[in-house]
Amino acid sequence: MLLISIPPLAQERREELIKAMRQKLENGKIMVRQVRHEAMEDIKKEYEGREDDISRLEKDVQKLVDETVEKIEDWGRQKEQELLQI
C-alpha cells in the first residue's frame, strides 16, 4: 500500500479553478442556446404555416432550455461551494 500526502489547495488555486469552471459553465450555456436556435429554425421549417404548432413547440423547447440552464447553474454553485470548503 502506498500513501501519498496531498496538501490542501491554496486560496489562489481555488479561485483559478472557480474561474475556469465558470468559463466552462458559460460555454455550456452558449451551446444550449445554439441548440435552441437550431431547434427553433427546424420547427419553423417543419411546421410552416401552422402558427399554433410552432408557438407550442417553441414554448416546449424554451422550457427545456430554461431547465437545462438552471441545472448547469446549480452544478456550478455546488462545485463552487465544494471548492471553497476544501
N, C-alpha and C. Protein backbone atom coordinates (compact mmCIF):
# COMPACT_ATOMS: atom_id res chain seq x y z
N MET A 1 0.85 -1.17 0.00
CA MET A 1 0.00 0.00 0.00
C MET A 1 0.90 1.23 0.00
N LEU A 2 0.51 2.21 -0.80
CA LEU A 2 1.27 3.44 -0.93
C LEU A 2 0.40 4.61 -0.50
N LEU A 3 0.87 5.38 0.44
CA LEU A 3 0.15 6.55 0.91
C LEU A 3 0.83 7.80 0.39
N ILE A 4 0.03 8.69 -0.18
CA ILE A 4 0.56 9.95 -0.69
C ILE A 4 -0.15 11.08 0.02
N SER A 5 0.60 11.97 0.57
CA SER A 5 0.03 13.13 1.25
C SER A 5 -0.10 14.27 0.25
N ILE A 6 -1.32 14.74 0.08
CA ILE A 6 -1.57 15.85 -0.84
C ILE A 6 -1.97 17.06 -0.01
N PRO A 7 -1.24 18.15 -0.14
CA PRO A 7 -1.58 19.34 0.65
C PRO A 7 -2.89 19.97 0.15
N PRO A 8 -3.59 20.66 1.03
CA PRO A 8 -4.83 21.31 0.61
C PRO A 8 -4.54 22.41 -0.43
N LEU A 9 -5.56 22.71 -1.22
CA LEU A 9 -5.40 23.73 -2.25
C LEU A 9 -5.24 25.11 -1.61
N ALA A 10 -4.36 25.90 -2.19
CA ALA A 10 -4.20 27.28 -1.74
C ALA A 10 -5.40 28.09 -2.24
N GLN A 11 -5.71 29.17 -1.56
CA GLN A 11 -6.85 30.00 -1.92
C GLN A 11 -6.73 30.50 -3.36
N GLU A 12 -5.53 30.84 -3.77
CA GLU A 12 -5.31 31.34 -5.13
C GLU A 12 -5.66 30.27 -6.16
N ARG A 13 -5.26 29.05 -5.89
CA ARG A 13 -5.55 27.94 -6.82
C ARG A 13 -7.04 27.66 -6.85
N ARG A 14 -7.71 27.75 -5.73
CA ARG A 14 -9.17 27.56 -5.69
C ARG A 14 -9.86 28.59 -6.56
N GLU A 15 -9.41 29.84 -6.45
CA GLU A 15 -10.00 30.91 -7.26
C GLU A 15 -9.77 30.67 -8.75
N GLU A 16 -8.59 30.15 -9.10
CA GLU A 16 -8.31 29.82 -10.50
C GLU A 16 -9.24 28.73 -11.00
N LEU A 17 -9.46 27.71 -10.17
CA LEU A 17 -10.35 26.62 -10.55
C LEU A 17 -11.79 27.09 -10.70
N ILE A 18 -12.22 27.96 -9.80
CA ILE A 18 -13.57 28.51 -9.88
C ILE A 18 -13.73 29.33 -11.15
N LYS A 19 -12.74 30.13 -11.48
CA LYS A 19 -12.79 30.94 -12.70
C LYS A 19 -12.88 30.04 -13.94
N ALA A 20 -12.07 28.99 -13.98
CA ALA A 20 -12.09 28.06 -15.12
C ALA A 20 -13.45 27.35 -15.19
N MET A 21 -13.98 26.97 -14.04
CA MET A 21 -15.27 26.30 -14.00
C MET A 21 -16.37 27.21 -14.53
N ARG A 22 -16.37 28.47 -14.11
CA ARG A 22 -17.38 29.42 -14.58
C ARG A 22 -17.30 29.60 -16.10
N GLN A 23 -16.10 29.63 -16.62
CA GLN A 23 -15.92 29.77 -18.07
C GLN A 23 -16.50 28.54 -18.79
N LYS A 24 -16.25 27.37 -18.27
CA LYS A 24 -16.79 26.14 -18.88
C LYS A 24 -18.31 26.10 -18.77
N LEU A 25 -18.84 26.56 -17.65
CA LEU A 25 -20.29 26.60 -17.49
C LEU A 25 -20.90 27.56 -18.50
N GLU A 26 -20.28 28.71 -18.70
CA GLU A 26 -20.79 29.68 -19.67
C GLU A 26 -20.73 29.10 -21.08
N ASN A 27 -19.67 28.36 -21.40
CA ASN A 27 -19.58 27.71 -22.71
C ASN A 27 -20.71 26.69 -22.87
N GLY A 28 -21.02 25.99 -21.81
CA GLY A 28 -22.12 25.03 -21.84
C GLY A 28 -23.45 25.71 -22.10
N LYS A 29 -23.68 26.85 -21.45
CA LYS A 29 -24.92 27.58 -21.66
C LYS A 29 -25.00 28.12 -23.09
N ILE A 30 -23.87 28.53 -23.64
CA ILE A 30 -23.84 29.00 -25.03
C ILE A 30 -24.22 27.86 -25.97
N MET A 31 -23.69 26.68 -25.72
CA MET A 31 -24.02 25.52 -26.56
C MET A 31 -25.51 25.20 -26.50
N VAL A 32 -26.09 25.29 -25.31
CA VAL A 32 -27.52 25.02 -25.15
C VAL A 32 -28.31 26.05 -25.95
N ARG A 33 -27.91 27.31 -25.90
CA ARG A 33 -28.62 28.34 -26.67
C ARG A 33 -28.48 28.12 -28.18
N GLN A 34 -27.33 27.63 -28.62
CA GLN A 34 -27.15 27.33 -30.04
C GLN A 34 -28.08 26.20 -30.48
N VAL A 35 -28.21 25.19 -29.65
CA VAL A 35 -29.13 24.09 -29.96
C VAL A 35 -30.56 24.61 -30.00
N ARG A 36 -30.90 25.50 -29.08
CA ARG A 36 -32.25 26.10 -29.09
C ARG A 36 -32.49 26.83 -30.40
N HIS A 37 -31.51 27.61 -30.83
CA HIS A 37 -31.65 28.37 -32.07
C HIS A 37 -31.88 27.42 -33.25
N GLU A 38 -31.10 26.34 -33.32
CA GLU A 38 -31.26 25.37 -34.40
C GLU A 38 -32.62 24.69 -34.33
N ALA A 39 -33.07 24.36 -33.13
CA ALA A 39 -34.37 23.71 -32.96
C ALA A 39 -35.49 24.65 -33.40
N MET A 40 -35.38 25.93 -33.06
CA MET A 40 -36.40 26.90 -33.47
C MET A 40 -36.46 27.00 -34.99
N GLU A 41 -35.32 27.02 -35.64
CA GLU A 41 -35.30 27.07 -37.11
C GLU A 41 -35.93 25.83 -37.71
N ASP A 42 -35.60 24.66 -37.16
CA ASP A 42 -36.17 23.40 -37.65
C ASP A 42 -37.68 23.37 -37.47
N ILE A 43 -38.15 23.86 -36.34
CA ILE A 43 -39.59 23.90 -36.08
C ILE A 43 -40.28 24.78 -37.10
N LYS A 44 -39.73 25.95 -37.37
CA LYS A 44 -40.35 26.88 -38.33
C LYS A 44 -40.39 26.28 -39.73
N LYS A 45 -39.34 25.54 -40.12
CA LYS A 45 -39.32 24.90 -41.44
C LYS A 45 -40.32 23.76 -41.51
N GLU A 46 -40.33 22.94 -40.47
CA GLU A 46 -41.17 21.74 -40.46
C GLU A 46 -42.66 22.07 -40.36
N TYR A 47 -42.99 23.09 -39.60
CA TYR A 47 -44.40 23.41 -39.34
C TYR A 47 -44.81 24.73 -39.99
N GLU A 48 -44.24 25.02 -41.12
CA GLU A 48 -44.51 26.27 -41.82
C GLU A 48 -46.01 26.44 -42.05
N GLY A 49 -46.52 27.59 -41.64
CA GLY A 49 -47.93 27.89 -41.83
C GLY A 49 -48.83 27.45 -40.69
N ARG A 50 -48.34 26.63 -39.78
CA ARG A 50 -49.15 26.18 -38.64
C ARG A 50 -48.66 26.89 -37.38
N GLU A 51 -49.10 28.13 -37.24
CA GLU A 51 -48.60 29.01 -36.18
C GLU A 51 -48.85 28.47 -34.77
N ASP A 52 -50.00 27.81 -34.58
CA ASP A 52 -50.30 27.26 -33.25
C ASP A 52 -49.29 26.20 -32.85
N ASP A 53 -48.97 25.30 -33.80
CA ASP A 53 -47.99 24.25 -33.52
C ASP A 53 -46.60 24.86 -33.28
N ILE A 54 -46.24 25.83 -34.10
CA ILE A 54 -44.94 26.48 -33.95
C ILE A 54 -44.82 27.11 -32.58
N SER A 55 -45.84 27.84 -32.18
CA SER A 55 -45.82 28.53 -30.89
C SER A 55 -45.71 27.52 -29.74
N ARG A 56 -46.48 26.46 -29.80
CA ARG A 56 -46.47 25.45 -28.74
C ARG A 56 -45.10 24.77 -28.65
N LEU A 57 -44.56 24.38 -29.80
CA LEU A 57 -43.27 23.70 -29.80
C LEU A 57 -42.14 24.62 -29.36
N GLU A 58 -42.20 25.88 -29.76
CA GLU A 58 -41.18 26.84 -29.32
C GLU A 58 -41.22 27.02 -27.81
N LYS A 59 -42.41 27.05 -27.24
CA LYS A 59 -42.54 27.15 -25.79
C LYS A 59 -41.96 25.91 -25.10
N ASP A 60 -42.21 24.74 -25.68
CA ASP A 60 -41.67 23.50 -25.12
C ASP A 60 -40.14 23.50 -25.16
N VAL A 61 -39.59 23.93 -26.29
CA VAL A 61 -38.13 23.99 -26.43
C VAL A 61 -37.56 24.98 -25.41
N GLN A 62 -38.19 26.13 -25.28
CA GLN A 62 -37.70 27.14 -24.35
C GLN A 62 -37.76 26.63 -22.92
N LYS A 63 -38.81 25.88 -22.59
CA LYS A 63 -38.92 25.31 -21.24
C LYS A 63 -37.76 24.35 -20.97
N LEU A 64 -37.44 23.50 -21.95
CA LEU A 64 -36.32 22.57 -21.79
C LEU A 64 -34.99 23.32 -21.66
N VAL A 65 -34.83 24.36 -22.44
CA VAL A 65 -33.60 25.16 -22.37
C VAL A 65 -33.48 25.80 -20.99
N ASP A 66 -34.57 26.38 -20.51
CA ASP A 66 -34.54 27.01 -19.18
C ASP A 66 -34.19 26.01 -18.09
N GLU A 67 -34.77 24.81 -18.17
CA GLU A 67 -34.48 23.78 -17.17
C GLU A 67 -33.01 23.35 -17.24
N THR A 68 -32.50 23.21 -18.45
CA THR A 68 -31.10 22.79 -18.63
C THR A 68 -30.14 23.85 -18.11
N VAL A 69 -30.40 25.11 -18.42
CA VAL A 69 -29.55 26.20 -17.95
C VAL A 69 -29.58 26.26 -16.42
N GLU A 70 -30.74 26.05 -15.84
CA GLU A 70 -30.86 26.05 -14.37
C GLU A 70 -30.04 24.92 -13.76
N LYS A 71 -30.06 23.74 -14.39
CA LYS A 71 -29.25 22.62 -13.91
C LYS A 71 -27.76 22.95 -13.98
N ILE A 72 -27.36 23.56 -15.08
CA ILE A 72 -25.96 23.95 -15.24
C ILE A 72 -25.56 24.92 -14.13
N GLU A 73 -26.41 25.91 -13.87
CA GLU A 73 -26.11 26.88 -12.82
C GLU A 73 -26.07 26.22 -11.45
N ASP A 74 -26.97 25.27 -11.19
CA ASP A 74 -26.96 24.55 -9.91
C ASP A 74 -25.67 23.76 -9.73
N TRP A 75 -25.25 23.07 -10.79
CA TRP A 75 -23.99 22.32 -10.72
C TRP A 75 -22.84 23.26 -10.41
N GLY A 76 -22.84 24.42 -11.04
CA GLY A 76 -21.78 25.39 -10.81
C GLY A 76 -21.75 25.87 -9.37
N ARG A 77 -22.92 26.17 -8.82
CA ARG A 77 -22.99 26.62 -7.43
C ARG A 77 -22.50 25.53 -6.48
N GLN A 78 -22.91 24.29 -6.74
CA GLN A 78 -22.48 23.18 -5.89
C GLN A 78 -20.97 22.99 -5.95
N LYS A 79 -20.43 23.01 -7.14
CA LYS A 79 -18.99 22.80 -7.30
C LYS A 79 -18.20 23.95 -6.68
N GLU A 80 -18.71 25.16 -6.81
CA GLU A 80 -18.03 26.31 -6.21
C GLU A 80 -17.99 26.17 -4.69
N GLN A 81 -19.10 25.73 -4.10
CA GLN A 81 -19.13 25.52 -2.66
C GLN A 81 -18.14 24.43 -2.25
N GLU A 82 -18.07 23.36 -3.04
CA GLU A 82 -17.12 22.29 -2.74
C GLU A 82 -15.69 22.81 -2.77
N LEU A 83 -15.36 23.60 -3.77
CA LEU A 83 -14.00 24.12 -3.89
C LEU A 83 -13.66 25.07 -2.75
N LEU A 84 -14.63 25.83 -2.29
CA LEU A 84 -14.37 26.78 -1.22
C LEU A 84 -14.27 26.09 0.15
N GLN A 85 -14.89 24.91 0.30
CA GLN A 85 -14.87 24.21 1.59
C GLN A 85 -13.60 23.41 1.82
N ILE A 86 -12.97 22.99 0.79
CA ILE A 86 -11.80 22.11 0.92
C ILE A 86 -10.72 22.76 1.75
